[in-house]
Amino acid sequence: MKTYEKTHEVLGRLLFAEEGKITVGVALDFGLRISYLSFDGSENLFFEQPTEMTELSTPEGWRVRGGHRLWLAPEGSYDYYPDNDPVKVEVLADGLRLSQANDPWLCAEKTMEIRFLPKNTLEVRHLVKNTDTAVRRVSLWGVSSMAPGGVEYIPMAVRDGGSDPNHVFTTWDYTSLGDERATYERDLITLDHYATGKKYKIGVGHPMGSVRYVNLGVVFEKLLDVKAGAEYPDGGVSFETFLCDHMVEVETLSPLTDIGAGETAAYSEFWKLTKQGDSYET
């Protein structure tokens, strides 16, 4: 594994790690954010929020910035702490560890570990330490803000027969199921990203196997590890996705977990990268 520091014209100082065909970059001056992801020489697969953009920001100073972040669900105002201070980054034998000082709004210390695995796969391990005095019941929430212009594929499990519902499906108040970017089939939801001036967000109970976002000649795939019978947030969903004009967010959630005072909860995502055309896309 090769590591080096470099200043990005939009994202500022990043520490990069390269292994095989994969390059990741983590922000040093804000975050936690995995701000850069490239496969086989591609452009950054993550959204990059321009410095002058006032959308996707709060008056208190929080900015989406792009890349991958760690939040807690159900969503609340505590998720929007302005995380604009430097973070601690350690080089591991097989990846990187980045840690944030105590978040005073969330009353938690957040850590992410990135590890290179075989077959062009990354493990992103999320850790949250409860620094409050009370037990917290939350879901660890991995949010990846992807570059615009791609297509997202959400495979759905199919069965024959059964009088009970087969899927849990949630929407947000600004979501229209008639959104022209969305195609709903029995075994697949397809979201084609382009600017419409409208926001769209859905949650899906338990998509089948993985969710893929295809863009810039690369298939970015999140492998899903859904715990059967576990309780999930937002009406029982383990996956959510959000679209606006600027980006697509590909989001997975852990089961709801009780974190005692001083205790730490952990949750991993697995990302697989392939060149478009080398893997199925639908």
Protein backbone atom coordinates (compact mmCIF):
# COMPACT_ATOMS: atom_id res chain seq x y z
CA MET A 1 0.00 0.00 0.00
CA LYS A 2 1.25 3.45 -0.97
CA THR A 3 0.29 6.60 0.97
CA TYR A 4 0.95 10.28 0.29
CA GLU A 5 -0.49 13.70 1.10
CA LYS A 6 -1.71 16.06 -1.60
CA THR A 7 -3.82 19.22 -1.74
CA HIS A 8 -6.97 18.91 -3.82
CA GLU A 9 -8.29 22.07 -5.52
CA VAL A 10 -11.78 21.63 -4.01
CA LEU A 11 -11.31 19.29 -1.05
CA GLY A 12 -8.13 20.72 0.47
CA ARG A 13 -5.50 18.55 2.11
CA LEU A 14 -6.08 14.84 1.63
CA LEU A 15 -4.14 11.77 2.70
CA PHE A 16 -4.27 9.24 -0.12
CA ALA A 17 -3.83 5.47 0.04
CA GLU A 18 -3.38 3.33 -3.07
CA GLU A 19 -3.56 -0.44 -3.36
CA GLY A 20 -3.94 -2.19 -6.70
CA LYS A 21 -6.47 -0.31 -8.84
CA ILE A 22 -8.12 1.54 -5.92
CA THR A 23 -7.23 5.01 -4.63
CA VAL A 24 -8.92 6.51 -1.57
CA GLY A 25 -8.37 9.95 -0.05
CA VAL A 26 -9.44 11.14 3.40
CA ALA A 27 -9.84 14.80 4.38
CA LEU A 28 -7.36 16.09 6.96
CA ASP A 29 -8.86 19.50 7.78
CA PHE A 30 -12.52 18.56 8.30
CA GLY A 31 -14.70 15.52 8.70
CA LEU A 32 -14.86 12.57 9.14
CA ARG A 33 -14.96 12.22 5.35
CA ILE A 34 -13.64 9.73 2.86
CA SER A 35 -13.50 12.44 0.22
CA TYR A 36 -11.96 10.69 -2.75
CA LEU A 37 -12.46 7.29 -4.41
CA SER A 38 -11.05 6.27 -7.76
CA PHE A 39 -10.84 2.94 -9.58
CA ASP A 40 -8.38 2.13 -12.34
CA GLY A 41 -7.56 5.79 -12.96
CA SER A 42 -11.12 7.09 -12.98
CA GLU A 43 -12.24 10.52 -11.87
CA ASN A 44 -13.41 10.93 -8.28
CA LEU A 45 -16.53 8.78 -7.86
CA PHE A 46 -17.70 11.00 -4.99
CA PHE A 47 -19.44 14.35 -5.20
CA GLU A 48 -17.24 17.40 -4.51
CA GLN A 49 -19.12 20.38 -3.07
CA PRO A 50 -17.71 23.61 -4.55
CA THR A 51 -16.43 26.10 -1.99
CA GLU A 52 -18.90 28.76 -3.10
CA MET A 53 -21.96 26.46 -3.01
CA THR A 54 -24.44 27.55 -0.33
CA GLU A 55 -26.84 24.70 -1.00
CA LEU A 56 -26.29 21.50 0.99
CA SER A 57 -25.10 23.64 3.91
CA THR A 58 -26.58 25.01 7.14
CA PRO A 59 -26.43 28.51 8.63
CA GLU A 60 -24.40 27.05 11.50
CA GLY A 61 -21.62 26.02 9.11
CA TRP A 62 -22.21 22.33 8.35
CA ARG A 63 -21.51 21.38 4.71
CA VAL A 64 -22.23 18.09 2.99
CA ARG A 65 -18.82 18.42 1.24
CA GLY A 66 -19.33 15.09 -0.54
CA GLY A 67 -17.64 11.76 -0.02
CA HIS A 68 -18.58 9.22 2.62
CA ARG A 69 -19.61 10.22 6.15
CA LEU A 70 -20.85 8.58 9.33
CA TRP A 71 -24.16 9.71 10.80
CA LEU A 72 -26.59 8.30 13.34
CA ALA A 73 -30.24 7.50 12.61
CA PRO A 74 -33.00 8.42 13.15
CA GLU A 75 -31.89 11.71 11.62
CA GLY A 76 -31.93 14.76 13.87
CA SER A 77 -30.43 18.22 14.20
CA TYR A 78 -27.51 16.61 16.09
CA ASP A 79 -26.31 15.07 12.81
CA TYR A 80 -25.55 18.56 11.45
CA TYR A 81 -22.74 19.54 13.81
CA PRO A 82 -20.32 21.73 11.78
CA ASP A 83 -17.50 19.17 11.51
CA ASN A 84 -14.98 21.65 10.15
CA ASP A 85 -12.04 20.88 12.45
CA PRO A 86 -8.97 18.76 11.60
CA VAL A 87 -9.22 15.02 12.22
CA LYS A 88 -6.65 12.45 13.30
CA VAL A 89 -5.55 10.02 10.59
CA GLU A 90 -3.41 6.92 11.18
CA VAL A 91 -1.82 4.70 8.53
CA LEU A 92 -2.56 1.01 9.12
CA ALA A 93 -0.86 -1.97 7.53
CA ASP A 94 -3.80 -2.43 5.17
CA GLY A 95 -5.56 0.93 5.18
CA LEU A 96 -6.34 4.07 7.16
CA ARG A 97 -8.05 5.01 10.42
CA LEU A 98 -9.57 8.47 10.87
CA SER A 99 -10.93 9.77 14.15
CA GLN A 100 -12.93 12.83 15.13
CA ALA A 101 -12.83 14.58 18.49
CA ASN A 102 -15.96 14.37 20.63
CA ASP A 103 -18.99 15.69 18.76
CA PRO A 104 -20.69 17.99 21.31
CA TRP A 105 -24.09 17.88 19.59
CA LEU A 106 -24.12 14.11 19.19
CA CYS A 107 -22.23 13.35 22.44
CA ALA A 108 -20.17 10.77 20.58
CA GLU A 109 -16.69 10.09 19.25
CA LYS A 110 -16.72 8.83 15.67
CA THR A 111 -14.07 6.70 13.93
CA MET A 112 -13.83 5.15 10.47
CA GLU A 113 -11.39 2.46 9.38
CA ILE A 114 -10.75 1.74 5.70
CA ARG A 115 -9.19 -1.60 4.80
CA PHE A 116 -8.16 -2.90 1.39
CA LEU A 117 -9.47 -6.43 0.77
CA PRO A 118 -8.94 -8.83 -2.16
CA LYS A 119 -10.96 -8.63 -5.38
CA ASN A 120 -11.10 -4.82 -5.56
CA THR A 121 -13.11 -4.58 -2.33
CA LEU A 122 -12.91 -2.15 0.59
CA GLU A 123 -14.21 -2.57 4.13
CA VAL A 124 -15.35 0.69 5.73
CA ARG A 125 -15.78 0.09 9.46
CA HIS A 126 -17.76 2.68 11.42
CA LEU A 127 -17.31 3.03 15.19
CA VAL A 128 -19.28 5.30 17.53
CA LYS A 129 -18.41 5.75 21.22
CA ASN A 130 -21.20 7.13 23.38
CA THR A 131 -19.78 9.98 25.49
CA ASP A 132 -23.15 10.80 27.05
CA THR A 133 -24.24 9.56 30.48
CA ALA A 134 -27.39 7.91 29.12
CA VAL A 135 -27.95 4.89 26.89
CA ARG A 136 -28.43 5.81 23.24
CA ARG A 137 -30.62 3.72 20.90
CA VAL A 138 -29.41 4.51 17.41
CA SER A 139 -28.47 3.07 14.04
CA LEU A 140 -25.02 3.63 12.55
CA TRP A 141 -25.55 5.17 9.14
CA GLY A 142 -23.04 5.09 6.26
CA VAL A 143 -23.81 7.87 3.76
CA SER A 144 -21.94 7.98 0.43
CA SER A 145 -22.48 11.18 -1.60
CA MET A 146 -21.77 10.14 -5.19
CA ALA A 147 -20.86 12.24 -8.21
CA PRO A 148 -23.82 13.24 -10.41
CA GLY A 149 -24.89 11.72 -13.69
CA GLY A 150 -25.00 8.01 -12.89
CA VAL A 151 -27.62 5.29 -12.63
CA GLU A 152 -28.50 3.49 -9.37
CA TYR A 153 -29.81 -0.07 -9.30
CA ILE A 154 -31.63 -1.41 -6.23
CA PRO A 155 -32.46 -5.14 -6.68
CA MET A 156 -35.54 -6.40 -4.82
CA ALA A 157 -36.21 -9.92 -3.58
CA VAL A 158 -38.96 -11.76 -5.45
CA ARG A 159 -41.13 -14.60 -4.19
CA ASP A 160 -44.16 -16.49 -5.44
CA GLY A 161 -47.32 -16.41 -3.35
CA GLY A 162 -47.80 -15.09 0.17
CA SER A 163 -50.59 -12.94 1.55
CA ASP A 164 -48.30 -10.77 3.71
CA PRO A 165 -46.29 -7.80 2.35
CA ASN A 166 -42.91 -8.68 0.84
CA HIS A 167 -41.24 -5.27 1.22
CA VAL A 168 -41.10 -2.23 3.45
CA PHE A 169 -40.91 1.00 1.46
CA THR A 170 -40.70 4.49 2.97
CA THR A 171 -40.81 7.94 1.39
CA TRP A 172 -40.12 11.48 2.57
CA ASP A 173 -42.44 14.48 2.32
CA TYR A 174 -40.74 15.90 -0.80
CA THR A 175 -40.69 12.56 -2.66
CA SER A 176 -42.99 11.88 -5.58
CA LEU A 177 -43.39 8.25 -6.64
CA GLY A 178 -44.08 9.66 -10.09
CA ASP A 179 -40.58 11.17 -10.26
CA GLU A 180 -39.39 10.81 -13.85
CA ARG A 181 -35.95 9.60 -12.72
CA ALA A 182 -37.40 6.50 -11.03
CA THR A 183 -38.48 3.21 -12.60
CA TYR A 184 -40.19 0.63 -10.38
CA GLU A 185 -40.28 -3.02 -11.38
CA ARG A 186 -41.09 -6.14 -9.42
CA ASP A 187 -37.44 -7.06 -8.90
CA LEU A 188 -35.63 -3.76 -9.41
CA ILE A 189 -35.80 -0.03 -8.71
CA THR A 190 -33.75 2.05 -11.16
CA LEU A 191 -32.86 5.70 -10.49
CA ASP A 192 -31.42 7.70 -13.37
CA HIS A 193 -29.70 10.82 -12.03
CA TYR A 194 -30.05 14.16 -13.79
CA ALA A 195 -31.06 17.64 -12.70
CA THR A 196 -34.80 18.28 -12.32
CA GLY A 197 -34.90 20.85 -9.52
CA LYS A 198 -36.57 18.27 -7.24
CA LYS A 199 -35.39 16.17 -4.32
CA TYR A 200 -36.22 12.48 -3.97
CA LYS A 201 -35.63 10.06 -1.11
CA ILE A 202 -36.83 6.53 -0.42
CA GLY A 203 -36.02 3.83 2.09
CA VAL A 204 -36.18 0.12 1.31
CA GLY A 205 -36.60 -2.56 3.97
CA HIS A 206 -34.10 -5.13 2.77
CA PRO A 207 -32.82 -4.87 -0.82
CA MET A 208 -31.40 -8.04 -2.24
CA GLY A 209 -27.64 -8.60 -1.94
CA SER A 210 -26.20 -5.30 -3.04
CA VAL A 211 -26.96 -1.87 -4.47
CA ARG A 212 -24.99 -0.47 -7.42
CA TYR A 213 -24.29 3.04 -8.67
CA VAL A 214 -22.83 3.12 -12.18
CA ASN A 215 -21.01 6.29 -13.23
CA LEU A 216 -17.80 7.51 -14.87
CA GLY A 217 -17.16 4.06 -16.31
CA VAL A 218 -17.14 2.38 -12.88
CA VAL A 219 -19.62 0.20 -10.96
CA PHE A 220 -19.65 1.20 -7.27
CA GLU A 221 -21.37 -1.60 -5.38
CA LYS A 222 -22.34 -1.70 -1.71
CA LEU A 223 -22.65 -5.27 -0.48
CA LEU A 224 -25.53 -5.48 2.01
CA ASP A 225 -25.41 -7.44 5.26
CA VAL A 226 -28.99 -7.27 6.49
CA LYS A 227 -29.75 -8.92 9.84
CA ALA A 228 -32.98 -10.89 9.53
CA GLY A 229 -35.40 -10.14 12.34
CA ALA A 230 -33.46 -7.09 13.58
CA GLU A 231 -35.15 -3.74 14.17
CA TYR A 232 -34.17 -0.97 11.74
CA PRO A 233 -34.91 2.78 11.83
CA ASP A 234 -37.18 4.95 9.67
CA GLY A 235 -39.99 2.43 9.53
CA GLY A 236 -37.76 -0.62 9.27
CA VAL A 237 -35.39 0.14 6.39
CA SER A 238 -31.77 -0.98 6.01
CA PHE A 239 -31.13 1.06 2.85
CA GLU A 240 -31.93 4.64 1.83
CA THR A 241 -31.10 6.79 -1.16
CA PHE A 242 -31.39 10.54 -1.75
CA LEU A 243 -31.25 12.48 -5.02
CA CYS A 244 -30.94 16.18 -5.68
CA ASP A 245 -29.58 18.08 -8.66
CA HIS A 246 -25.99 17.83 -7.42
CA MET A 247 -25.50 14.26 -6.22
CA VAL A 248 -26.86 10.83 -5.31
CA GLU A 249 -26.52 9.50 -1.77
CA VAL A 250 -26.20 5.72 -1.35
CA GLU A 251 -26.88 4.93 2.30
CA THR A 252 -26.91 1.79 4.45
CA LEU A 253 -28.02 1.52 8.07
CA SER A 254 -27.19 -0.88 10.88
CA PRO A 255 -29.90 -2.37 13.09
CA LEU A 256 -30.96 -0.14 15.97
CA THR A 257 -28.45 -0.63 18.78
CA ASP A 258 -28.36 0.35 22.45
CA ILE A 259 -25.01 2.01 23.20
CA GLY A 260 -24.35 2.44 26.91
CA ALA A 261 -22.40 5.31 28.42
CA GLY A 262 -18.75 4.91 27.44
CA GLU A 263 -19.50 1.97 25.14
CA THR A 264 -18.70 1.68 21.43
CA ALA A 265 -20.82 0.25 18.61
CA ALA A 266 -19.39 -0.86 15.26
CA TYR A 267 -20.82 -1.44 11.79
CA SER A 268 -19.09 -2.26 8.49
CA GLU A 269 -19.91 -1.55 4.86
CA PHE A 270 -18.21 -3.38 2.00
CA TRP A 271 -17.58 -1.61 -1.31
CA LYS A 272 -16.76 -3.52 -4.50
CA LEU A 273 -15.45 -1.69 -7.57
CA THR A 274 -15.43 -2.91 -11.16
CA LYS A 275 -15.11 -1.35 -14.58
CA GLN A 276 -18.40 -0.79 -16.36
CA GLY A 277 -18.85 -3.66 -18.81
CA ASP A 278 -16.88 -6.12 -16.67
CA SER A 279 -19.89 -6.67 -14.35
CA TYR A 280 -23.65 -6.89 -14.78
CA GLU A 281 -25.37 -3.52 -14.56
CA THR A 282 -29.04 -4.38 -14.22
